[in-house]
């Protein structure tokens, strides 16, 4: 997949998260850190229900654009969900879970793409 396509998916994800008021949205270019994905998008939800709604909206918008998720994890508990869209991986978490794992610090490769 070209980086242009990855950027298109990133923008689709960010719009889907913005639509439902996802908090503290961050996009990281991780191409130099891992071969698993090119971009990670991290977002907070205000409650388990909000995390679930954000997750469902990203999946729905991705499918409508012809992008099938390769995997979705954590939907049941809805404290942290991961949506694997290939070259874009989305993490949606409750604030306390996000604070605990500090993915931004783990994957930080300089300035955020957003």
C-alpha atoms as a PDB file:
ATOM      1  CA  UNK A   1       0.000   0.000   0.000  1.00  0.00           C
ATOM      2  CA  UNK A   2       1.329   3.405  -0.850  1.00  0.00           C
ATOM      3  CA  UNK A   3       1.793   6.056   1.804  1.00  0.00           C
ATOM      4  CA  UNK A   4      -0.856   8.106  -0.044  1.00  0.00           C
ATOM      5  CA  UNK A   5      -3.387   5.324   0.597  1.00  0.00           C
ATOM      6  CA  UNK A   6      -2.283   5.112   4.237  1.00  0.00           C
ATOM      7  CA  UNK A   7      -2.807   8.882   4.556  1.00  0.00           C
ATOM      8  CA  UNK A   8      -6.287   8.549   2.999  1.00  0.00           C
ATOM      9  CA  UNK A   9      -7.196   5.882   5.566  1.00  0.00           C
ATOM     10  CA  UNK A  10      -5.712   8.045   8.347  1.00  0.00           C
ATOM     11  CA  UNK A  11      -7.900  10.976   7.286  1.00  0.00           C
ATOM     12  CA  UNK A  12     -10.977   8.722   7.129  1.00  0.00           C
ATOM     13  CA  UNK A  13     -10.252   7.465  10.657  1.00  0.00           C
ATOM     14  CA  UNK A  14      -9.719  10.964  12.028  1.00  0.00           C
ATOM     15  CA  UNK A  15     -12.998  12.173  10.484  1.00  0.00           C
ATOM     16  CA  UNK A  16     -14.845   9.169  11.957  1.00  0.00           C
ATOM     17  CA  UNK A  17     -13.388   9.882  15.410  1.00  0.00           C
ATOM     18  CA  UNK A  18     -14.061  13.615  15.132  1.00  0.00           C
ATOM     19  CA  UNK A  19     -17.682  12.897  14.135  1.00  0.00           C
ATOM     20  CA  UNK A  20     -18.328  11.399  17.565  1.00  0.00           C
ATOM     21  CA  UNK A  21     -16.120  13.777  19.545  1.00  0.00           C
ATOM     22  CA  UNK A  22     -13.164  11.495  20.176  1.00  0.00           C
ATOM     23  CA  UNK A  23     -10.809  13.212  22.637  1.00  0.00           C
ATOM     24  CA  UNK A  24      -7.054  13.877  22.509  1.00  0.00           C
ATOM     25  CA  UNK A  25      -6.641  12.579  18.960  1.00  0.00           C
ATOM     26  CA  UNK A  26      -3.057  11.843  18.000  1.00  0.00           C
ATOM     27  CA  UNK A  27      -1.545  10.415  14.828  1.00  0.00           C
ATOM     28  CA  UNK A  28       1.982   8.971  14.784  1.00  0.00           C
ATOM     29  CA  UNK A  29       4.063   7.975  11.781  1.00  0.00           C
ATOM     30  CA  UNK A  30       5.752   4.759  12.957  1.00  0.00           C
ATOM     31  CA  UNK A  31       7.269   3.537   9.673  1.00  0.00           C
ATOM     32  CA  UNK A  32      10.788   3.884  11.078  1.00  0.00           C
ATOM     33  CA  UNK A  33       9.899   1.970  14.277  1.00  0.00           C
ATOM     34  CA  UNK A  34       7.983  -1.091  13.033  1.00  0.00           C
ATOM     35  CA  UNK A  35       7.046  -3.047   9.940  1.00  0.00           C
ATOM     36  CA  UNK A  36       3.608  -3.838  11.392  1.00  0.00           C
ATOM     37  CA  UNK A  37       1.989  -0.564  10.329  1.00  0.00           C
ATOM     38  CA  UNK A  38       2.765   2.892   8.969  1.00  0.00           C
ATOM     39  CA  UNK A  39       0.495   5.075  11.068  1.00  0.00           C
ATOM     40  CA  UNK A  40      -0.991   4.756  14.542  1.00  0.00           C
ATOM     41  CA  UNK A  41      -3.988   6.825  15.518  1.00  0.00           C
ATOM     42  CA  UNK A  42      -4.669   7.100  19.245  1.00  0.00           C
ATOM     43  CA  UNK A  43      -7.864   8.516  20.709  1.00  0.00           C
ATOM     44  CA  UNK A  44      -9.655   8.664  24.066  1.00  0.00           C
ATOM     45  CA  UNK A  45     -13.306   8.000  24.748  1.00  0.00           C
ATOM     46  CA  UNK A  46     -15.121   9.422  27.766  1.00  0.00           C
ATOM     47  CA  UNK A  47     -16.800   6.128  28.787  1.00  0.00           C
ATOM     48  CA  UNK A  48     -16.941   2.476  27.762  1.00  0.00           C
ATOM     49  CA  UNK A  49     -20.040   3.276  25.704  1.00  0.00           C
ATOM     50  CA  UNK A  50     -18.188   6.126  23.966  1.00  0.00           C
ATOM     51  CA  UNK A  51     -15.189   3.875  23.205  1.00  0.00           C
ATOM     52  CA  UNK A  52     -17.587   1.315  21.687  1.00  0.00           C
ATOM     53  CA  UNK A  53     -19.393   3.989  19.629  1.00  0.00           C
ATOM     54  CA  UNK A  54     -16.098   5.409  18.342  1.00  0.00           C
ATOM     55  CA  UNK A  55     -14.924   1.907  17.425  1.00  0.00           C
ATOM     56  CA  UNK A  56     -18.169   1.102  15.612  1.00  0.00           C
ATOM     57  CA  UNK A  57     -18.066   4.406  13.700  1.00  0.00           C
ATOM     58  CA  UNK A  58     -14.480   3.857  12.500  1.00  0.00           C
ATOM     59  CA  UNK A  59     -15.344   0.326  11.351  1.00  0.00           C
ATOM     60  CA  UNK A  60     -18.520   1.485   9.606  1.00  0.00           C
ATOM     61  CA  UNK A  61     -16.798   4.395   7.799  1.00  0.00           C
ATOM     62  CA  UNK A  62     -13.852   2.202   6.803  1.00  0.00           C
ATOM     63  CA  UNK A  63     -16.105  -0.498   5.357  1.00  0.00           C
ATOM     64  CA  UNK A  64     -18.159   2.140   3.501  1.00  0.00           C
ATOM     65  CA  UNK A  65     -14.899   3.343   1.911  1.00  0.00           C
ATOM     66  CA  UNK A  66     -13.963  -0.205   0.900  1.00  0.00           C
ATOM     67  CA  UNK A  67     -11.383  -0.721   3.651  1.00  0.00           C
ATOM     68  CA  UNK A  68     -11.972  -3.968   5.520  1.00  0.00           C
ATOM     69  CA  UNK A  69     -10.507  -4.217   9.023  1.00  0.00           C
ATOM     70  CA  UNK A  70      -7.951  -7.018   9.318  1.00  0.00           C
ATOM     71  CA  UNK A  71      -8.866  -7.372  12.968  1.00  0.00           C
ATOM     72  CA  UNK A  72     -10.674  -5.726  15.845  1.00  0.00           C
ATOM     73  CA  UNK A  73      -9.788  -6.387  19.478  1.00  0.00           C
ATOM     74  CA  UNK A  74     -11.272  -5.298  22.787  1.00  0.00           C
ATOM     75  CA  UNK A  75     -14.816  -4.539  21.667  1.00  0.00           C
ATOM     76  CA  UNK A  76     -16.431  -6.516  24.482  1.00  0.00           C
ATOM     77  CA  UNK A  77     -14.873  -4.715  27.460  1.00  0.00           C
ATOM     78  CA  UNK A  78     -14.650  -1.392  25.588  1.00  0.00           C
ATOM     79  CA  UNK A  79     -11.868  -0.026  27.781  1.00  0.00           C
ATOM     80  CA  UNK A  80      -9.414  -0.210  24.899  1.00  0.00           C
ATOM     81  CA  UNK A  81     -10.167  -1.204  21.349  1.00  0.00           C
ATOM     82  CA  UNK A  82      -7.711  -1.783  18.550  1.00  0.00           C
ATOM     83  CA  UNK A  83      -8.742  -1.618  14.902  1.00  0.00           C
ATOM     84  CA  UNK A  84      -6.199  -2.968  12.421  1.00  0.00           C
ATOM     85  CA  UNK A  85      -6.752  -1.367   9.015  1.00  0.00           C
ATOM     86  CA  UNK A  86      -3.473  -2.635   7.602  1.00  0.00           C
ATOM     87  CA  UNK A  87      -1.158   0.327   7.279  1.00  0.00           C
ATOM     88  CA  UNK A  88      -3.183   2.261   9.872  1.00  0.00           C
ATOM     89  CA  UNK A  89      -3.805   0.909  13.366  1.00  0.00           C
ATOM     90  CA  UNK A  90      -6.316   2.690  15.592  1.00  0.00           C
ATOM     91  CA  UNK A  91      -6.266   2.592  19.404  1.00  0.00           C
ATOM     92  CA  UNK A  92      -9.343   3.941  21.228  1.00  0.00           C
ATOM     93  CA  UNK A  93      -9.031   3.965  25.015  1.00  0.00           C
ATOM     94  CA  UNK A  94     -10.506   5.230  28.222  1.00  0.00           C
ATOM     95  CA  UNK A  95      -8.274   8.036  29.588  1.00  0.00           C
ATOM     96  CA  UNK A  96      -7.058   5.974  32.570  1.00  0.00           C
ATOM     97  CA  UNK A  97      -6.074   3.087  30.273  1.00  0.00           C
ATOM     98  CA  UNK A  98      -4.301   5.491  27.942  1.00  0.00           C
ATOM     99  CA  UNK A  99      -2.432   7.045  30.881  1.00  0.00           C
ATOM    100  CA  UNK A 100      -1.375   3.602  32.103  1.00  0.00           C
ATOM    101  CA  UNK A 101       0.010   2.320  28.781  1.00  0.00           C
ATOM    102  CA  UNK A 102       1.400   5.627  27.465  1.00  0.00           C
ATOM    103  CA  UNK A 103       1.471   4.496  23.829  1.00  0.00           C
ATOM    104  CA  UNK A 104       2.405   8.002  22.716  1.00  0.00           C
ATOM    105  CA  UNK A 105       5.660   7.749  24.633  1.00  0.00           C
ATOM    106  CA  UNK A 106       6.298   4.189  23.478  1.00  0.00           C
ATOM    107  CA  UNK A 107       5.783   4.927  19.769  1.00  0.00           C
ATOM    108  CA  UNK A 108       6.751   8.568  19.628  1.00  0.00           C
ATOM    109  CA  UNK A 109       8.990   9.256  16.661  1.00  0.00           C
ATOM    110  CA  UNK A 110       9.079  13.046  16.751  1.00  0.00           C
ATOM    111  CA  UNK A 111       6.222  15.324  15.884  1.00  0.00           C
ATOM    112  CA  UNK A 112       2.681  13.999  15.563  1.00  0.00           C
ATOM    113  CA  UNK A 113       1.232  13.960  12.066  1.00  0.00           C
ATOM    114  CA  UNK A 114      -1.816  15.895  13.204  1.00  0.00           C
END
